[in-house]
Amino acid sequence: MNKFFYILLVISFLRTAEIRPQWNLVKGLPAAEFSCIYMFSDTLYAGSKNVVYISGDQGNSWLASNALPEDVDFISAILKTNDKIIVGTYAYGIFKSSNNGDSWSNFNNGLTGILDIEALVQRGDSIYAGTIGSSIYTVHNGGNTWSPFSKEIPMNNAGTVYSLYNFNGRLITGSGINAYIYYNESGSINWYETPFAEFNPLGTAMHAIVSKGNILYGTGSQGIYKSTNGGLNWEKFDPGIGYIEAGSLDLHNEDIIAMLSKANRTYYFICDNDINQWKQYDYQTGVTTYNFIVSKDKIFAAS
């Protein structure tokens, strides 16, 4: 899985989109592939191979967790909930730690199929896991057994979850590459299907979703999307860069930032919601970026 060997990058955020930002290597981290970056209550969590690195001071210093099992080589998702860190991996499922990473326990009871985890999210007292090929599972926070949670999501063409987001109690998932998303209301077991784009034969998946107030933004295989009615209808912005392999979104003050990655190239776009126009903010060659987060006035990118 370790095909790319870059280390976590950070830039100081510049409000003027026309100014090219400067990326710096994050000190205190090893030179390795970082596959996931996550923030909870101003604490940063960065996953590399089978270790989670934790920073409580805006990335100035990092503590390494004890390692997950040696065979694990790709941390794909991180979730902090109550007193636990929960991590999803490719091929080895989910692990949890109740002592800030000093030790890890297997958390796969109830999961079936290929144990590739793509997304972890919490809603109320339940945790949800989006998988590659086995759709969505849920477990009560504090429970030990996962249960399938994908009623009405067609497994044959939407069993692979690319994104999973809690929007004010409504779960929204980008599943499959058929230009549909699925949503589930709190208290219901059913998922409902709605298109977000025109289907493209190359595949049209929703890679990431974020909200600003009552507005949803998404990155997908064909562009950047916006919904003003909870994900039922979407408007598209075409950045003009062709097929997009990975995407991520975050907020900085009044701005929405979108990362789009393809073929060892990474693009950043920025949108001021007041004018609703996307501008290219940065372009990097030779870098594949998995996701990013904004912390204070810095962007941290796992690449």
Protein backbone atom coordinates (compact mmCIF):
# COMPACT_ATOMS: atom_id res chain seq x y z
CA MET A 1 0.00 0.00 0.00
CA ASN A 2 2.95 2.37 0.56
CA LYS A 3 3.29 3.57 -3.02
CA PHE A 4 4.00 7.21 -2.22
CA PHE A 5 6.55 8.45 0.28
CA TYR A 6 5.92 12.03 1.27
CA ILE A 7 5.51 13.44 4.72
CA LEU A 8 2.81 15.59 6.19
CA LEU A 9 2.88 19.12 4.85
CA VAL A 10 1.63 22.39 6.28
CA ILE A 11 1.16 25.88 4.95
CA SER A 12 0.34 29.16 6.60
CA PHE A 13 -3.02 30.20 5.23
CA LEU A 14 -3.03 33.29 3.04
CA ARG A 15 -6.36 35.05 2.57
CA THR A 16 -5.47 36.31 -0.91
CA ALA A 17 -6.01 33.36 -3.24
CA GLU A 18 -3.71 34.77 -5.89
CA ILE A 19 -0.66 34.42 -3.63
CA ARG A 20 0.96 31.01 -3.97
CA PRO A 21 1.27 29.45 -0.50
CA GLN A 22 4.49 28.00 0.84
CA TRP A 23 4.48 24.40 2.08
CA ASN A 24 6.74 23.28 4.89
CA LEU A 25 7.49 19.85 6.27
CA VAL A 26 5.99 19.28 9.69
CA LYS A 27 8.74 18.94 12.27
CA GLY A 28 8.71 16.02 14.66
CA LEU A 29 7.23 13.53 12.19
CA PRO A 30 9.07 10.78 10.28
CA ALA A 31 9.67 10.89 6.55
CA ALA A 32 6.90 8.53 5.53
CA GLU A 33 3.56 8.32 3.79
CA PHE A 34 0.80 9.96 5.84
CA SER A 35 -2.59 8.63 4.82
CA CYS A 36 -4.97 10.47 7.16
CA ILE A 37 -5.17 13.74 9.14
CA TYR A 38 -7.99 14.44 11.61
CA MET A 39 -8.77 17.08 14.25
CA PHE A 40 -10.89 16.85 17.40
CA SER A 41 -11.14 19.75 19.88
CA ASP A 42 -7.93 21.35 18.54
CA THR A 43 -5.99 18.10 18.91
CA LEU A 44 -4.47 16.77 15.69
CA TYR A 45 -4.25 13.07 14.81
CA ALA A 46 -2.11 11.93 11.86
CA GLY A 47 -1.97 8.34 10.64
CA SER A 48 1.12 6.82 9.02
CA LYS A 49 1.48 3.08 8.33
CA ASN A 50 0.43 1.57 11.71
CA VAL A 51 1.05 4.53 14.05
CA VAL A 52 -1.09 7.52 15.04
CA TYR A 53 0.80 10.73 15.82
CA ILE A 54 -0.94 13.15 18.20
CA SER A 55 -0.38 16.90 18.67
CA GLY A 56 -2.09 19.14 21.19
CA ASP A 57 -0.17 22.30 20.27
CA GLN A 58 -1.09 23.03 16.65
CA GLY A 59 1.45 20.61 15.25
CA ASN A 60 4.49 22.07 16.97
CA SER A 61 5.23 18.76 18.71
CA TRP A 62 3.93 15.23 18.25
CA LEU A 63 3.63 12.08 20.35
CA ALA A 64 3.59 8.70 18.63
CA SER A 65 1.11 6.06 19.71
CA ASN A 66 2.23 2.52 20.20
CA ALA A 67 1.95 0.61 16.95
CA LEU A 68 -1.05 -1.24 15.67
CA PRO A 69 -0.33 -4.81 14.49
CA GLU A 70 2.74 -4.96 12.29
CA ASP A 71 0.84 -6.05 9.17
CA VAL A 72 -1.24 -2.84 9.15
CA ASP A 73 0.25 -0.42 6.63
CA PHE A 74 -2.50 2.10 5.88
CA ILE A 75 -4.67 4.07 8.33
CA SER A 76 -7.64 5.32 6.33
CA ALA A 77 -9.86 6.99 8.96
CA ILE A 78 -9.60 8.32 12.52
CA LEU A 79 -12.40 9.16 14.97
CA LYS A 80 -12.12 10.46 18.54
CA THR A 81 -15.17 9.76 20.69
CA ASN A 82 -15.52 10.03 24.46
CA ASP A 83 -12.32 8.47 25.83
CA LYS A 84 -11.49 6.38 22.76
CA ILE A 85 -9.49 6.76 19.57
CA ILE A 86 -10.96 4.62 16.79
CA VAL A 87 -9.01 4.02 13.58
CA GLY A 88 -10.01 2.39 10.32
CA THR A 89 -7.46 0.61 8.16
CA TYR A 90 -7.23 -1.03 4.77
CA ALA A 91 -7.43 -4.84 4.92
CA TYR A 92 -7.39 -5.12 8.73
CA GLY A 93 -10.60 -3.38 9.75
CA ILE A 94 -11.00 -1.24 12.86
CA PHE A 95 -8.98 -0.84 16.05
CA LYS A 96 -9.67 1.19 19.20
CA SER A 97 -7.66 2.58 22.08
CA SER A 98 -8.95 3.74 25.46
CA ASN A 99 -5.58 5.03 26.66
CA ASN A 100 -4.62 7.55 23.98
CA GLY A 101 -2.83 5.04 21.82
CA ASP A 102 -0.75 3.24 24.45
CA SER A 103 -2.45 0.00 23.41
CA TRP A 104 -4.92 -1.09 20.73
CA SER A 105 -7.60 -3.74 20.56
CA ASN A 106 -9.27 -5.31 17.55
CA PHE A 107 -12.76 -3.86 16.92
CA ASN A 108 -14.01 -6.02 14.05
CA ASN A 109 -16.71 -8.15 15.66
CA GLY A 110 -19.68 -8.20 13.27
CA LEU A 111 -17.84 -6.84 10.24
CA THR A 112 -17.85 -9.11 7.19
CA GLY A 113 -16.23 -9.14 3.75
CA ILE A 114 -13.06 -7.26 2.90
CA LEU A 115 -12.07 -5.21 5.93
CA ASP A 116 -11.24 -1.99 4.09
CA ILE A 117 -12.56 0.98 6.08
CA GLU A 118 -13.02 4.28 4.25
CA ALA A 119 -14.91 6.49 6.73
CA LEU A 120 -15.86 6.76 10.42
CA VAL A 121 -18.48 9.14 11.79
CA GLN A 122 -20.53 9.57 14.96
CA ARG A 123 -24.22 10.46 15.27
CA GLY A 124 -25.64 10.69 18.77
CA ASP A 125 -24.56 7.62 20.71
CA SER A 126 -23.82 5.54 17.61
CA ILE A 127 -20.73 5.18 15.43
CA TYR A 128 -20.91 4.38 11.72
CA ALA A 129 -18.25 2.83 9.49
CA GLY A 130 -18.21 3.10 5.71
CA THR A 131 -16.41 0.26 3.98
CA ILE A 132 -15.06 -0.61 0.55
CA GLY A 133 -17.36 -3.30 -0.80
CA SER A 134 -19.46 -4.04 2.30
CA SER A 135 -21.40 -0.76 2.65
CA ILE A 136 -22.11 0.69 6.12
CA TYR A 137 -22.05 -0.74 9.65
CA THR A 138 -23.02 0.75 13.00
CA VAL A 139 -22.28 0.11 16.66
CA HIS A 140 -23.53 1.74 19.85
CA ASN A 141 -20.81 3.88 21.37
CA GLY A 142 -19.45 1.63 24.07
CA GLY A 143 -20.66 -1.53 22.34
CA ASN A 144 -18.48 -4.23 20.85
CA THR A 145 -20.40 -5.63 17.88
CA TRP A 146 -21.04 -3.96 14.54
CA SER A 147 -24.32 -4.46 12.66
CA PRO A 148 -25.09 -3.82 8.97
CA PHE A 149 -26.77 -0.46 8.39
CA SER A 150 -27.41 -0.25 4.67
CA LYS A 151 -31.09 -1.02 4.07
CA GLU A 152 -32.08 0.16 0.56
CA ILE A 153 -28.48 0.82 -0.53
CA PRO A 154 -27.91 -1.50 -3.52
CA MET A 155 -24.82 -3.55 -2.71
CA ASN A 156 -24.06 -4.41 -6.34
CA ASN A 157 -23.36 -0.82 -7.43
CA ALA A 158 -23.19 1.21 -4.22
CA GLY A 159 -21.53 -1.07 -1.69
CA THR A 160 -18.30 0.93 -1.75
CA VAL A 161 -18.48 3.99 0.49
CA TYR A 162 -16.33 6.95 -0.52
CA SER A 163 -17.67 9.43 2.05
CA LEU A 164 -19.91 9.49 5.11
CA TYR A 165 -21.08 12.70 6.79
CA ASN A 166 -23.38 13.64 9.67
CA PHE A 167 -25.37 16.72 8.64
CA ASN A 168 -27.42 17.82 11.66
CA GLY A 169 -28.49 14.24 12.32
CA ARG A 170 -28.95 13.28 8.66
CA LEU A 171 -26.31 10.82 7.50
CA ILE A 172 -25.21 11.33 3.90
CA THR A 173 -23.02 8.85 2.09
CA GLY A 174 -21.30 8.93 -1.26
CA SER A 175 -21.60 5.26 -2.20
CA GLY A 176 -20.71 3.79 -5.56
CA ILE A 177 -19.71 5.61 -8.72
CA ASN A 178 -23.19 5.97 -10.21
CA ALA A 179 -23.64 9.71 -9.44
CA TYR A 180 -25.98 9.05 -6.50
CA ILE A 181 -25.74 9.79 -2.83
CA TYR A 182 -27.84 8.14 -0.12
CA TYR A 183 -29.22 9.73 3.03
CA ASN A 184 -30.64 8.41 6.28
CA GLU A 185 -32.70 10.29 8.85
CA SER A 186 -32.07 9.86 12.56
CA GLY A 187 -34.35 7.20 14.00
CA SER A 188 -34.81 5.41 10.67
CA ILE A 189 -33.10 2.33 9.27
CA ASN A 190 -33.83 3.19 5.63
CA TRP A 191 -31.60 4.98 3.15
CA TYR A 192 -32.96 7.08 0.30
CA GLU A 193 -31.32 7.63 -3.07
CA THR A 194 -30.88 10.96 -4.83
CA PRO A 195 -28.64 11.99 -7.77
CA PHE A 196 -26.00 14.66 -7.27
CA ALA A 197 -24.63 14.82 -10.83
CA GLU A 198 -25.03 13.47 -14.34
CA PHE A 199 -23.49 10.03 -14.67
CA ASN A 200 -20.12 9.86 -16.41
CA PRO A 201 -18.91 6.51 -17.80
CA LEU A 202 -15.58 7.08 -16.06
CA GLY A 203 -17.45 6.95 -12.76
CA THR A 204 -19.01 9.65 -10.61
CA ALA A 205 -18.42 9.30 -6.87
CA MET A 206 -18.82 11.79 -4.01
CA HIS A 207 -15.46 11.79 -2.22
CA ALA A 208 -16.08 14.19 0.66
CA ILE A 209 -18.79 16.39 2.18
CA VAL A 210 -18.68 19.36 4.56
CA SER A 211 -21.29 21.87 5.71
CA LYS A 212 -21.27 25.56 6.39
CA GLY A 213 -24.47 26.49 8.18
CA ASN A 214 -27.29 24.96 6.16
CA ILE A 215 -25.23 24.64 2.97
CA LEU A 216 -23.50 21.41 1.96
CA TYR A 217 -20.40 21.23 -0.21
CA GLY A 218 -18.99 18.10 -1.81
CA THR A 219 -16.02 17.02 -3.88
CA GLY A 220 -16.58 14.34 -6.48
CA SER A 221 -15.01 12.59 -9.43
CA GLN A 222 -16.17 15.31 -11.83
CA GLY A 223 -16.00 18.50 -9.77
CA ILE A 224 -17.14 20.44 -6.71
CA TYR A 225 -20.80 20.44 -5.65
CA LYS A 226 -23.12 22.58 -3.53
CA SER A 227 -26.54 21.85 -2.00
CA THR A 228 -28.83 24.32 -0.26
CA ASN A 229 -31.56 21.80 0.65
CA GLY A 230 -29.81 19.15 2.71
CA GLY A 231 -28.33 17.19 -0.18
CA LEU A 232 -31.51 16.63 -2.20
CA ASN A 233 -30.29 18.76 -5.13
CA TRP A 234 -26.78 19.84 -6.11
CA GLU A 235 -25.12 22.50 -8.24
CA LYS A 236 -21.81 21.67 -9.93
CA PHE A 237 -18.61 23.63 -10.41
CA ASP A 238 -16.25 22.14 -13.01
CA PRO A 239 -12.63 23.02 -12.12
CA GLY A 240 -11.46 21.92 -15.56
CA ILE A 241 -8.89 19.36 -14.44
CA GLY A 242 -10.57 16.16 -15.65
CA TYR A 243 -11.24 13.03 -13.63
CA ILE A 244 -10.57 13.48 -9.89
CA GLU A 245 -9.28 10.55 -7.84
CA ALA A 246 -9.55 11.96 -4.30
CA GLY A 247 -11.04 15.01 -2.66
CA SER A 248 -11.35 16.70 0.71
CA LEU A 249 -13.01 19.83 2.13
CA ASP A 250 -12.68 22.08 5.17
CA LEU A 251 -13.59 25.58 6.34
CA HIS A 252 -11.48 28.61 7.17
CA ASN A 253 -13.44 31.51 8.62
CA GLU A 254 -15.93 32.41 5.85
CA ASP A 255 -14.15 30.42 3.15
CA ILE A 256 -14.60 26.86 1.92
CA ILE A 257 -11.42 25.10 0.78
CA ALA A 258 -11.49 22.11 -1.56
CA MET A 259 -8.60 19.77 -2.28
CA LEU A 260 -8.69 17.71 -5.48
CA SER A 261 -6.02 15.11 -6.20
CA LYS A 262 -5.21 13.03 -9.30
CA ALA A 263 -2.19 11.30 -10.85
CA ASN A 264 0.41 12.72 -8.44
CA ARG A 265 -1.03 16.20 -8.73
CA THR A 266 -2.94 18.12 -6.07
CA TYR A 267 -5.09 21.21 -6.59
CA TYR A 268 -6.59 23.52 -3.97
CA PHE A 269 -9.59 25.73 -4.65
CA ILE A 270 -11.12 28.37 -2.38
CA CYS A 271 -14.63 29.80 -2.34
CA ASP A 272 -15.92 32.83 -0.49
CA ASN A 273 -19.54 31.92 0.23
CA ASP A 274 -20.62 35.53 -0.16
CA ILE A 275 -19.62 35.58 -3.82
CA ASN A 276 -19.97 31.83 -4.46
CA GLN A 277 -17.04 31.68 -6.88
CA TRP A 278 -14.24 29.09 -6.79
CA LYS A 279 -10.65 30.17 -7.43
CA GLN A 280 -7.61 27.95 -7.73
CA TYR A 281 -5.49 28.57 -4.66
CA ASP A 282 -2.57 26.18 -5.09
CA TYR A 283 -1.22 23.49 -7.40
CA GLN A 284 1.36 20.85 -6.55
CA THR A 285 3.04 18.37 -8.88
CA GLY A 286 4.50 15.08 -7.72
CA VAL A 287 2.21 14.95 -4.67
CA THR A 288 -0.80 12.76 -3.99
CA THR A 289 -2.85 14.15 -1.10
CA TYR A 290 -5.37 11.99 0.75
CA ASN A 291 -7.07 14.62 2.90
CA PHE A 292 -6.39 17.84 4.81
CA ILE A 293 -7.66 19.89 7.73
CA VAL A 294 -7.45 23.56 8.65
CA SER A 295 -6.20 24.33 12.16
CA LYS A 296 -6.17 28.01 13.11
CA ASP A 297 -4.40 29.61 10.14
CA LYS A 298 -2.59 26.54 8.84
CA ILE A 299 -3.51 23.78 6.42
CA PHE A 300 -2.22 20.31 7.31
CA ALA A 301 -2.23 17.86 4.40
CA ALA A 302 -1.67 14.11 4.62
CA SER A 303 0.22 13.07 1.51
